[in-house]
Amino acid sequence: MSSKAWIDMIAEADAQGELAEYYQQWHRPDGRVDNILRIHSLNPPSLRGHYDFYRHLMRGSSELTRAQREMIAVTVSAANQCHY
C-alpha cells in the first residue's frame, strides 16, 4: 500500500501580499501556479528560495545545456513517479 503526503497549499485566488506577488510572477500561461511552487505557499520566503535555486540550476552557468537539464529533471521525475 502506498500513501502520499499532503501539504496544505494556498490557492491562487486566496493568495495575499508577498505570496500573491510571487504567484503573479511565476504562473503558467494558463494562470495556474505549479504545485512544486505552491507547496511553499505557507512560507513565502521558502518559495522565493526554491524558485531562485531552481532558476540557478536550470538557467545558471553550466556545461549542460538547458535541454540536457530538462531531460535530467524529466528522468528523475519519472523514476519518482512524479508528474513533471
C-alpha atoms as a PDB file:
ATOM      1  CA  MET A   1       0.000   0.000   0.000  1.00  0.00           C
ATOM      2  CA  SER A   2       1.297   3.390  -0.958  1.00  0.00           C
ATOM      3  CA  SER A   3       0.324   6.658   0.637  1.00  0.00           C
ATOM      4  CA  LYS A   4       1.183  10.145  -0.478  1.00  0.00           C
ATOM      5  CA  ALA A   5       1.867  13.090   1.749  1.00  0.00           C
ATOM      6  CA  TRP A   6      -0.465  16.047   1.504  1.00  0.00           C
ATOM      7  CA  ILE A   7       0.754  19.564   2.052  1.00  0.00           C
ATOM      8  CA  ASP A   8      -1.706  22.393   2.628  1.00  0.00           C
ATOM      9  CA  MET A   9      -1.395  24.958  -0.137  1.00  0.00           C
ATOM     10  CA  ILE A  10      -2.925  28.388  -0.622  1.00  0.00           C
ATOM     11  CA  ALA A  11      -4.874  28.657  -3.865  1.00  0.00           C
ATOM     12  CA  GLU A  12      -4.043  31.378  -6.345  1.00  0.00           C
ATOM     13  CA  ALA A  13      -7.355  33.141  -5.694  1.00  0.00           C
ATOM     14  CA  ASP A  14      -6.674  33.216  -1.926  1.00  0.00           C
ATOM     15  CA  ALA A  15      -3.075  34.453  -2.057  1.00  0.00           C
ATOM     16  CA  GLN A  16      -2.295  37.816  -0.497  1.00  0.00           C
ATOM     17  CA  GLY A  17       0.724  40.092  -0.133  1.00  0.00           C
ATOM     18  CA  GLU A  18       4.125  38.637  -0.960  1.00  0.00           C
ATOM     19  CA  LEU A  19       2.622  35.272  -1.931  1.00  0.00           C
ATOM     20  CA  ALA A  20       0.208  36.887  -4.390  1.00  0.00           C
ATOM     21  CA  GLU A  21       3.126  38.765  -5.958  1.00  0.00           C
ATOM     22  CA  TYR A  22       5.103  35.536  -6.406  1.00  0.00           C
ATOM     23  CA  TYR A  23       2.096  33.739  -7.870  1.00  0.00           C
ATOM     24  CA  GLN A  24       1.624  36.649 -10.286  1.00  0.00           C
ATOM     25  CA  GLN A  25       5.277  36.427 -11.389  1.00  0.00           C
ATOM     26  CA  TRP A  26       5.577  32.660 -11.695  1.00  0.00           C
ATOM     27  CA  HIS A  27       2.275  31.420 -13.059  1.00  0.00           C
ATOM     28  CA  ARG A  28       1.948  29.243 -16.143  1.00  0.00           C
ATOM     29  CA  PRO A  29       0.360  30.556 -19.342  1.00  0.00           C
ATOM     30  CA  ASP A  30      -2.991  29.168 -18.141  1.00  0.00           C
ATOM     31  CA  GLY A  31      -2.759  31.330 -14.993  1.00  0.00           C
ATOM     32  CA  ARG A  32      -2.123  28.448 -12.589  1.00  0.00           C
ATOM     33  CA  VAL A  33       0.927  28.061 -10.372  1.00  0.00           C
ATOM     34  CA  ASP A  34       2.749  24.715 -10.398  1.00  0.00           C
ATOM     35  CA  ASN A  35       2.261  22.611  -7.264  1.00  0.00           C
ATOM     36  CA  ILE A  36       6.032  22.376  -6.803  1.00  0.00           C
ATOM     37  CA  LEU A  37       5.905  26.112  -6.044  1.00  0.00           C
ATOM     38  CA  ARG A  38       2.535  26.118  -4.278  1.00  0.00           C
ATOM     39  CA  ILE A  39       3.798  23.676  -1.635  1.00  0.00           C
ATOM     40  CA  HIS A  40       5.743  26.628  -0.233  1.00  0.00           C
ATOM     41  CA  SER A  41       2.677  28.869  -0.078  1.00  0.00           C
ATOM     42  CA  LEU A  42       2.500  28.819   3.729  1.00  0.00           C
ATOM     43  CA  ASN A  43       6.068  30.161   3.832  1.00  0.00           C
ATOM     44  CA  PRO A  44       6.689  32.697   1.020  1.00  0.00           C
ATOM     45  CA  PRO A  45      10.415  33.155   1.850  1.00  0.00           C
ATOM     46  CA  SER A  46      10.935  29.417   1.222  1.00  0.00           C
ATOM     47  CA  LEU A  47       9.025  29.802  -2.069  1.00  0.00           C
ATOM     48  CA  ARG A  48      11.432  32.559  -3.100  1.00  0.00           C
ATOM     49  CA  GLY A  49      14.412  30.404  -2.112  1.00  0.00           C
ATOM     50  CA  HIS A  50      13.062  27.405  -4.027  1.00  0.00           C
ATOM     51  CA  TYR A  51      12.434  29.484  -7.139  1.00  0.00           C
ATOM     52  CA  ASP A  52      15.879  31.123  -7.018  1.00  0.00           C
ATOM     53  CA  PHE A  53      17.535  27.708  -6.568  1.00  0.00           C
ATOM     54  CA  TYR A  54      15.544  26.234  -9.479  1.00  0.00           C
ATOM     55  CA  ARG A  55      16.355  29.205 -11.723  1.00  0.00           C
ATOM     56  CA  HIS A  56      20.052  28.871 -10.896  1.00  0.00           C
ATOM     57  CA  LEU A  57      20.061  25.132 -11.619  1.00  0.00           C
ATOM     58  CA  MET A  58      18.124  25.410 -14.868  1.00  0.00           C
ATOM     59  CA  ARG A  59      19.432  28.688 -16.261  1.00  0.00           C
ATOM     60  CA  GLY A  60      22.695  29.387 -14.464  1.00  0.00           C
ATOM     61  CA  SER A  61      26.151  28.871 -15.886  1.00  0.00           C
ATOM     62  CA  SER A  62      26.788  25.187 -16.628  1.00  0.00           C
ATOM     63  CA  GLU A  63      28.406  22.833 -19.105  1.00  0.00           C
ATOM     64  CA  LEU A  64      24.969  21.231 -19.541  1.00  0.00           C
ATOM     65  CA  THR A  65      22.507  22.742 -21.990  1.00  0.00           C
ATOM     66  CA  ARG A  66      19.050  23.753 -20.869  1.00  0.00           C
ATOM     67  CA  ALA A  67      17.643  20.782 -22.818  1.00  0.00           C
ATOM     68  CA  GLN A  68      20.001  18.381 -21.023  1.00  0.00           C
ATOM     69  CA  ARG A  69      18.961  19.778 -17.655  1.00  0.00           C
ATOM     70  CA  GLU A  70      15.281  19.378 -18.571  1.00  0.00           C
ATOM     71  CA  MET A  71      15.929  15.771 -19.654  1.00  0.00           C
ATOM     72  CA  ILE A  72      17.531  15.040 -16.277  1.00  0.00           C
ATOM     73  CA  ALA A  73      14.553  16.586 -14.470  1.00  0.00           C
ATOM     74  CA  VAL A  74      12.096  14.529 -16.526  1.00  0.00           C
ATOM     75  CA  THR A  75      14.056  11.323 -15.916  1.00  0.00           C
ATOM     76  CA  VAL A  76      14.226  11.902 -12.148  1.00  0.00           C
ATOM     77  CA  SER A  77      10.511  12.769 -12.031  1.00  0.00           C
ATOM     78  CA  ALA A  78       9.640   9.595 -13.969  1.00  0.00           C
ATOM     79  CA  ALA A  79      11.807   7.485 -11.649  1.00  0.00           C
ATOM     80  CA  ASN A  80       9.963   9.045  -8.684  1.00  0.00           C
ATOM     81  CA  GLN A  81       6.568   8.554 -10.386  1.00  0.00           C
ATOM     82  CA  CYS A  82       6.082  12.300 -10.182  1.00  0.00           C
ATOM     83  CA  HIS A  83       4.360  14.431 -12.810  1.00  0.00           C
ATOM     84  CA  TYR A  84       6.748  16.927 -14.335  1.00  0.00           C
END
